[in-house]
Amino acid sequence: MESTKFPKRIIKKQVKKRVIKKQLKKVDKAIVEIAEMKFENYEEKEEKLDALVFLKNQILTEAEELL
């Protein structure tokens, strides 16, 4: 009788991929919300968008390391 258990490494990798997908979704949503908001100071908006793009790049780098 064959075992139906998956190796723990595979399960951890799948969970990590799901977490990364959720993180990317949240960051993308935040980027759109900030882009649509009206700011009196354009530099403030630019700083927030830069920070979110930086965060997104970090998440994507982490995702590449998994592959």
PDB file of N, CA and C in Angstrom:
ATOM      1  N   MET A   1       0.841  -1.182   0.000  1.00  0.00           N
ATOM      2  CA  MET A   1       0.000   0.000   0.000  1.00  0.00           C
ATOM      3  C   MET A   1       0.888   1.248   0.000  1.00  0.00           C
ATOM      4  N   GLU A   2       0.624   2.138  -0.950  1.00  0.00           N
ATOM      5  CA  GLU A   2       1.446   3.336  -1.090  1.00  0.00           C
ATOM      6  C   GLU A   2       0.997   4.434  -0.119  1.00  0.00           C
ATOM      7  N   SER A   3       1.965   5.194   0.319  1.00  0.00           N
ATOM      8  CA  SER A   3       1.680   6.309   1.213  1.00  0.00           C
ATOM      9  C   SER A   3       1.188   7.501   0.396  1.00  0.00           C
ATOM     10  N   THR A   4       0.203   8.199   0.929  1.00  0.00           N
ATOM     11  CA  THR A   4      -0.334   9.371   0.233  1.00  0.00           C
ATOM     12  C   THR A   4       0.191  10.669   0.831  1.00  0.00           C
ATOM     13  N   LYS A   5       1.160  10.578   1.700  1.00  0.00           N
ATOM     14  CA  LYS A   5       1.729  11.775   2.306  1.00  0.00           C
ATOM     15  C   LYS A   5       2.681  12.463   1.344  1.00  0.00           C
ATOM     16  N   PHE A   6       2.649  13.787   1.385  1.00  0.00           N
ATOM     17  CA  PHE A   6       3.580  14.575   0.595  1.00  0.00           C
ATOM     18  C   PHE A   6       4.794  14.904   1.452  1.00  0.00           C
ATOM     19  N   PRO A   7       5.947  14.987   0.842  1.00  0.00           N
ATOM     20  CA  PRO A   7       7.121  15.408   1.621  1.00  0.00           C
ATOM     21  C   PRO A   7       6.909  16.810   2.185  1.00  0.00           C
ATOM     22  N   LYS A   8       7.433  17.042   3.390  1.00  0.00           N
ATOM     23  CA  LYS A   8       7.229  18.331   4.062  1.00  0.00           C
ATOM     24  C   LYS A   8       7.781  19.497   3.253  1.00  0.00           C
ATOM     25  N   ARG A   9       8.883  19.269   2.531  1.00  0.00           N
ATOM     26  CA  ARG A   9       9.468  20.352   1.723  1.00  0.00           C
ATOM     27  C   ARG A   9       8.495  20.844   0.673  1.00  0.00           C
ATOM     28  N   ILE A  10       7.791  19.905   0.032  1.00  0.00           N
ATOM     29  CA  ILE A  10       6.838  20.278  -1.018  1.00  0.00           C
ATOM     30  C   ILE A  10       5.688  21.068  -0.418  1.00  0.00           C
ATOM     31  N   ILE A  11       5.193  20.628   0.722  1.00  0.00           N
ATOM     32  CA  ILE A  11       4.080  21.318   1.371  1.00  0.00           C
ATOM     33  C   ILE A  11       4.497  22.718   1.791  1.00  0.00           C
ATOM     34  N   LYS A  12       5.680  22.860   2.374  1.00  0.00           N
ATOM     35  CA  LYS A  12       6.162  24.170   2.788  1.00  0.00           C
ATOM     36  C   LYS A  12       6.299  25.107   1.596  1.00  0.00           C
ATOM     37  N   LYS A  13       6.776  24.565   0.475  1.00  0.00           N
ATOM     38  CA  LYS A  13       6.950  25.371  -0.730  1.00  0.00           C
ATOM     39  C   LYS A  13       5.591  25.857  -1.249  1.00  0.00           C
ATOM     40  N   GLN A  14       4.602  24.965  -1.215  1.00  0.00           N
ATOM     41  CA  GLN A  14       3.269  25.336  -1.686  1.00  0.00           C
ATOM     42  C   GLN A  14       2.652  26.406  -0.793  1.00  0.00           C
ATOM     43  N   VAL A  15       2.831  26.258   0.512  1.00  0.00           N
ATOM     44  CA  VAL A  15       2.303  27.245   1.449  1.00  0.00           C
ATOM     45  C   VAL A  15       2.983  28.585   1.225  1.00  0.00           C
ATOM     46  N   LYS A  16       4.295  28.561   1.039  1.00  0.00           N
ATOM     47  CA  LYS A  16       5.048  29.795   0.809  1.00  0.00           C
ATOM     48  C   LYS A  16       4.571  30.491  -0.462  1.00  0.00           C
ATOM     49  N   LYS A  17       4.288  29.712  -1.505  1.00  0.00           N
ATOM     50  CA  LYS A  17       3.794  30.291  -2.760  1.00  0.00           C
ATOM     51  C   LYS A  17       2.451  30.971  -2.553  1.00  0.00           C
ATOM     52  N   ARG A  18       1.575  30.332  -1.754  1.00  0.00           N
ATOM     53  CA  ARG A  18       0.270  30.935  -1.474  1.00  0.00           C
ATOM     54  C   ARG A  18       0.426  32.239  -0.709  1.00  0.00           C
ATOM     55  N   VAL A  19       1.331  32.243   0.262  1.00  0.00           N
ATOM     56  CA  VAL A  19       1.571  33.447   1.053  1.00  0.00           C
ATOM     57  C   VAL A  19       2.086  34.570   0.163  1.00  0.00           C
ATOM     58  N   ILE A  20       3.009  34.251  -0.729  1.00  0.00           N
ATOM     59  CA  ILE A  20       3.562  35.256  -1.637  1.00  0.00           C
ATOM     60  C   ILE A  20       2.472  35.809  -2.550  1.00  0.00           C
ATOM     61  N   LYS A  21       1.599  34.940  -3.057  1.00  0.00           N
ATOM     62  CA  LYS A  21       0.496  35.402  -3.909  1.00  0.00           C
ATOM     63  C   LYS A  21      -0.393  36.389  -3.168  1.00  0.00           C
ATOM     64  N   LYS A  22      -0.711  36.064  -1.910  1.00  0.00           N
ATOM     65  CA  LYS A  22      -1.561  36.946  -1.112  1.00  0.00           C
ATOM     66  C   LYS A  22      -0.869  38.281  -0.855  1.00  0.00           C
ATOM     67  N   GLN A  23       0.431  38.222  -0.554  1.00  0.00           N
ATOM     68  CA  GLN A  23       1.177  39.448  -0.316  1.00  0.00           C
ATOM     69  C   GLN A  23       1.186  40.334  -1.559  1.00  0.00           C
ATOM     70  N   LEU A  24       1.426  39.732  -2.712  1.00  0.00           N
ATOM     71  CA  LEU A  24       1.449  40.496  -3.961  1.00  0.00           C
ATOM     72  C   LEU A  24       0.082  41.121  -4.254  1.00  0.00           C
ATOM     73  N   LYS A  25      -0.971  40.371  -3.985  1.00  0.00           N
ATOM     74  CA  LYS A  25      -2.310  40.879  -4.204  1.00  0.00           C
ATOM     75  C   LYS A  25      -2.576  42.116  -3.342  1.00  0.00           C
ATOM     76  N   LYS A  26      -2.168  42.038  -2.067  1.00  0.00           N
ATOM     77  CA  LYS A  26      -2.377  43.160  -1.146  1.00  0.00           C
ATOM     78  C   LYS A  26      -1.559  44.372  -1.564  1.00  0.00           C
ATOM     79  N   VAL A  27      -0.316  44.151  -1.978  1.00  0.00           N
ATOM     80  CA  VAL A  27       0.536  45.265  -2.397  1.00  0.00           C
ATOM     81  C   VAL A  27      -0.016  45.909  -3.664  1.00  0.00           C
ATOM     82  N   ASP A  28      -0.439  45.093  -4.612  1.00  0.00           N
ATOM     83  CA  ASP A  28      -1.023  45.631  -5.843  1.00  0.00           C
ATOM     84  C   ASP A  28      -2.270  46.464  -5.542  1.00  0.00           C
ATOM     85  N   LYS A  29      -3.103  45.975  -4.632  1.00  0.00           N
ATOM     86  CA  LYS A  29      -4.317  46.701  -4.254  1.00  0.00           C
ATOM     87  C   LYS A  29      -3.949  48.040  -3.609  1.00  0.00           C
ATOM     88  N   ALA A  30      -2.945  48.024  -2.753  1.00  0.00           N
ATOM     89  CA  ALA A  30      -2.509  49.255  -2.087  1.00  0.00           C
ATOM     90  C   ALA A  30      -1.948  50.257  -3.096  1.00  0.00           C
ATOM     91  N   ILE A  31      -1.201  49.766  -4.075  1.00  0.00           N
ATOM     92  CA  ILE A  31      -0.646  50.644  -5.110  1.00  0.00           C
ATOM     93  C   ILE A  31      -1.776  51.338  -5.870  1.00  0.00           C
ATOM     94  N   VAL A  32      -2.785  50.586  -6.242  1.00  0.00           N
ATOM     95  CA  VAL A  32      -3.919  51.164  -6.973  1.00  0.00           C
ATOM     96  C   VAL A  32      -4.642  52.188  -6.105  1.00  0.00           C
ATOM     97  N   GLU A  33      -4.853  51.858  -4.827  1.00  0.00           N
ATOM     98  CA  GLU A  33      -5.546  52.794  -3.930  1.00  0.00           C
ATOM     99  C   GLU A  33      -4.760  54.098  -3.773  1.00  0.00           C
ATOM    100  N   ILE A  34      -3.462  53.998  -3.572  1.00  0.00           N
ATOM    101  CA  ILE A  34      -2.636  55.201  -3.422  1.00  0.00           C
ATOM    102  C   ILE A  34      -2.640  56.011  -4.718  1.00  0.00           C
ATOM    103  N   ALA A  35      -2.564  55.317  -5.840  1.00  0.00           N
ATOM    104  CA  ALA A  35      -2.547  56.008  -7.131  1.00  0.00           C
ATOM    105  C   ALA A  35      -3.845  56.780  -7.362  1.00  0.00           C
ATOM    106  N   GLU A  36      -4.953  56.258  -6.857  1.00  0.00           N
ATOM    107  CA  GLU A  36      -6.240  56.914  -7.061  1.00  0.00           C
ATOM    108  C   GLU A  36      -6.509  58.025  -6.048  1.00  0.00           C
ATOM    109  N   MET A  37      -5.783  58.016  -4.927  1.00  0.00           N
ATOM    110  CA  MET A  37      -5.995  59.038  -3.896  1.00  0.00           C
ATOM    111  C   MET A  37      -5.467  60.392  -4.365  1.00  0.00           C
ATOM    112  N   LYS A  38      -6.087  61.416  -3.826  1.00  0.00           N
ATOM    113  CA  LYS A  38      -5.641  62.772  -4.150  1.00  0.00           C
ATOM    114  C   LYS A  38      -4.824  63.314  -2.980  1.00  0.00           C
ATOM    115  N   PHE A  39      -3.634  63.772  -3.282  1.00  0.00           N
ATOM    116  CA  PHE A  39      -2.740  64.326  -2.284  1.00  0.00           C
ATOM    117  C   PHE A  39      -2.501  65.794  -2.606  1.00  0.00           C
ATOM    118  N   GLU A  40      -2.396  66.590  -1.547  1.00  0.00           N
ATOM    119  CA  GLU A  40      -2.035  67.986  -1.759  1.00  0.00           C
ATOM    120  C   GLU A  40      -0.560  68.081  -2.148  1.00  0.00           C
ATOM    121  N   ASN A  41       0.215  67.206  -1.556  1.00  0.00           N
ATOM    122  CA  ASN A  41       1.652  67.187  -1.811  1.00  0.00           C
ATOM    123  C   ASN A  41       1.976  65.998  -2.710  1.00  0.00           C
ATOM    124  N   TYR A  42       2.359  66.262  -3.932  1.00  0.00           N
ATOM    125  CA  TYR A  42       2.653  65.199  -4.897  1.00  0.00           C
ATOM    126  C   TYR A  42       3.820  64.333  -4.434  1.00  0.00           C
ATOM    127  N   GLU A  43       4.785  64.925  -3.747  1.00  0.00           N
ATOM    128  CA  GLU A  43       5.955  64.175  -3.283  1.00  0.00           C
ATOM    129  C   GLU A  43       5.572  63.091  -2.282  1.00  0.00           C
ATOM    130  N   GLU A  44       4.572  63.366  -1.452  1.00  0.00           N
ATOM    131  CA  GLU A  44       4.111  62.381  -0.475  1.00  0.00           C
ATOM    132  C   GLU A  44       3.545  61.151  -1.184  1.00  0.00           C
ATOM    133  N   LYS A  45       2.755  61.392  -2.211  1.00  0.00           N
ATOM    134  CA  LYS A  45       2.183  60.302  -3.002  1.00  0.00           C
ATOM    135  C   LYS A  45       3.297  59.494  -3.661  1.00  0.00           C
ATOM    136  N   GLU A  46       4.268  60.187  -4.211  1.00  0.00           N
ATOM    137  CA  GLU A  46       5.384  59.526  -4.883  1.00  0.00           C
ATOM    138  C   GLU A  46       6.187  58.658  -3.906  1.00  0.00           C
ATOM    139  N   GLU A  47       6.409  59.159  -2.693  1.00  0.00           N
ATOM    140  CA  GLU A  47       7.151  58.403  -1.678  1.00  0.00           C
ATOM    141  C   GLU A  47       6.416  57.112  -1.306  1.00  0.00           C
ATOM    142  N   LYS A  48       5.107  57.224  -1.130  1.00  0.00           N
ATOM    143  CA  LYS A  48       4.319  56.046  -0.767  1.00  0.00           C
ATOM    144  C   LYS A  48       4.336  55.008  -1.884  1.00  0.00           C
ATOM    145  N   LEU A  49       4.206  55.472  -3.109  1.00  0.00           N
ATOM    146  CA  LEU A  49       4.235  54.544  -4.238  1.00  0.00           C
ATOM    147  C   LEU A  49       5.612  53.895  -4.380  1.00  0.00           C
ATOM    148  N   ASP A  50       6.668  54.676  -4.174  1.00  0.00           N
ATOM    149  CA  ASP A  50       8.022  54.122  -4.238  1.00  0.00           C
ATOM    150  C   ASP A  50       8.219  53.030  -3.189  1.00  0.00           C
ATOM    151  N   ALA A  51       7.714  53.276  -1.985  1.00  0.00           N
ATOM    152  CA  ALA A  51       7.845  52.293  -0.912  1.00  0.00           C
ATOM    153  C   ALA A  51       7.097  51.004  -1.255  1.00  0.00           C
ATOM    154  N   LEU A  52       5.906  51.140  -1.829  1.00  0.00           N
ATOM    155  CA  LEU A  52       5.130  49.948  -2.194  1.00  0.00           C
ATOM    156  C   LEU A  52       5.788  49.181  -3.336  1.00  0.00           C
ATOM    157  N   VAL A  53       6.334  49.889  -4.291  1.00  0.00           N
ATOM    158  CA  VAL A  53       7.026  49.225  -5.407  1.00  0.00           C
ATOM    159  C   VAL A  53       8.274  48.503  -4.894  1.00  0.00           C
ATOM    160  N   PHE A  54       8.979  49.123  -3.955  1.00  0.00           N
ATOM    161  CA  PHE A  54      10.148  48.485  -3.346  1.00  0.00           C
ATOM    162  C   PHE A  54       9.730  47.202  -2.632  1.00  0.00           C
ATOM    163  N   LEU A  55       8.627  47.250  -1.878  1.00  0.00           N
ATOM    164  CA  LEU A  55       8.120  46.071  -1.183  1.00  0.00           C
ATOM    165  C   LEU A  55       7.738  44.972  -2.168  1.00  0.00           C
ATOM    166  N   LYS A  56       7.098  45.370  -3.257  1.00  0.00           N
ATOM    167  CA  LYS A  56       6.709  44.392  -4.282  1.00  0.00           C
ATOM    168  C   LYS A  56       7.941  43.721  -4.889  1.00  0.00           C
ATOM    169  N   ASN A  57       8.982  44.492  -5.147  1.00  0.00           N
ATOM    170  CA  ASN A  57      10.217  43.921  -5.701  1.00  0.00           C
ATOM    171  C   ASN A  57      10.862  42.942  -4.727  1.00  0.00           C
ATOM    172  N   GLN A  58      10.806  43.242  -3.430  1.00  0.00           N
ATOM    173  CA  GLN A  58      11.350  42.317  -2.432  1.00  0.00           C
ATOM    174  C   GLN A  58      10.574  41.008  -2.440  1.00  0.00           C
ATOM    175  N   ILE A  59       9.256  41.098  -2.522  1.00  0.00           N
ATOM    176  CA  ILE A  59       8.425  39.888  -2.549  1.00  0.00           C
ATOM    177  C   ILE A  59       8.723  39.071  -3.797  1.00  0.00           C
ATOM    178  N   LEU A  60       8.869  39.737  -4.937  1.00  0.00           N
ATOM    179  CA  LEU A  60       9.170  39.030  -6.186  1.00  0.00           C
ATOM    180  C   LEU A  60      10.544  38.366  -6.134  1.00  0.00           C
ATOM    181  N   THR A  61      11.502  39.018  -5.496  1.00  0.00           N
ATOM    182  CA  THR A  61      12.836  38.429  -5.342  1.00  0.00           C
ATOM    183  C   THR A  61      12.750  37.169  -4.494  1.00  0.00           C
ATOM    184  N   GLU A  62      11.955  37.229  -3.437  1.00  0.00           N
ATOM    185  CA  GLU A  62      11.769  36.065  -2.568  1.00  0.00           C
ATOM    186  C   GLU A  62      11.118  34.920  -3.349  1.00  0.00           C
ATOM    187  N   ALA A  63      10.180  35.274  -4.214  1.00  0.00           N
ATOM    188  CA  ALA A  63       9.490  34.267  -5.030  1.00  0.00           C
ATOM    189  C   ALA A  63      10.453  33.601  -6.004  1.00  0.00           C
ATOM    190  N   GLU A  64      11.337  34.390  -6.583  1.00  0.00           N
ATOM    191  CA  GLU A  64      12.328  33.825  -7.524  1.00  0.00           C
ATOM    192  C   GLU A  64      13.262  32.847  -6.827  1.00  0.00           C
ATOM    193  N   GLU A  65      13.582  33.124  -5.577  1.00  0.00           N
ATOM    194  CA  GLU A  65      14.459  32.242  -4.824  1.00  0.00           C
ATOM    195  C   GLU A  65      13.813  30.878  -4.589  1.00  0.00           C
ATOM    196  N   LEU A  66      12.498  30.838  -4.521  1.00  0.00           N
ATOM    197  CA  LEU A  66      11.804  29.568  -4.318  1.00  0.00           C
ATOM    198  C   LEU A  66      11.883  28.670  -5.548  1.00  0.00           C
ATOM    199  N   LEU A  67      11.959  29.303  -6.701  1.00  0.00           N
ATOM    200  CA  LEU A  67      11.979  28.516  -7.956  1.00  0.00           C
ATOM    201  C   LEU A  67      13.328  27.989  -8.218  1.00  0.00           C
TER     202      LEU A  67
END
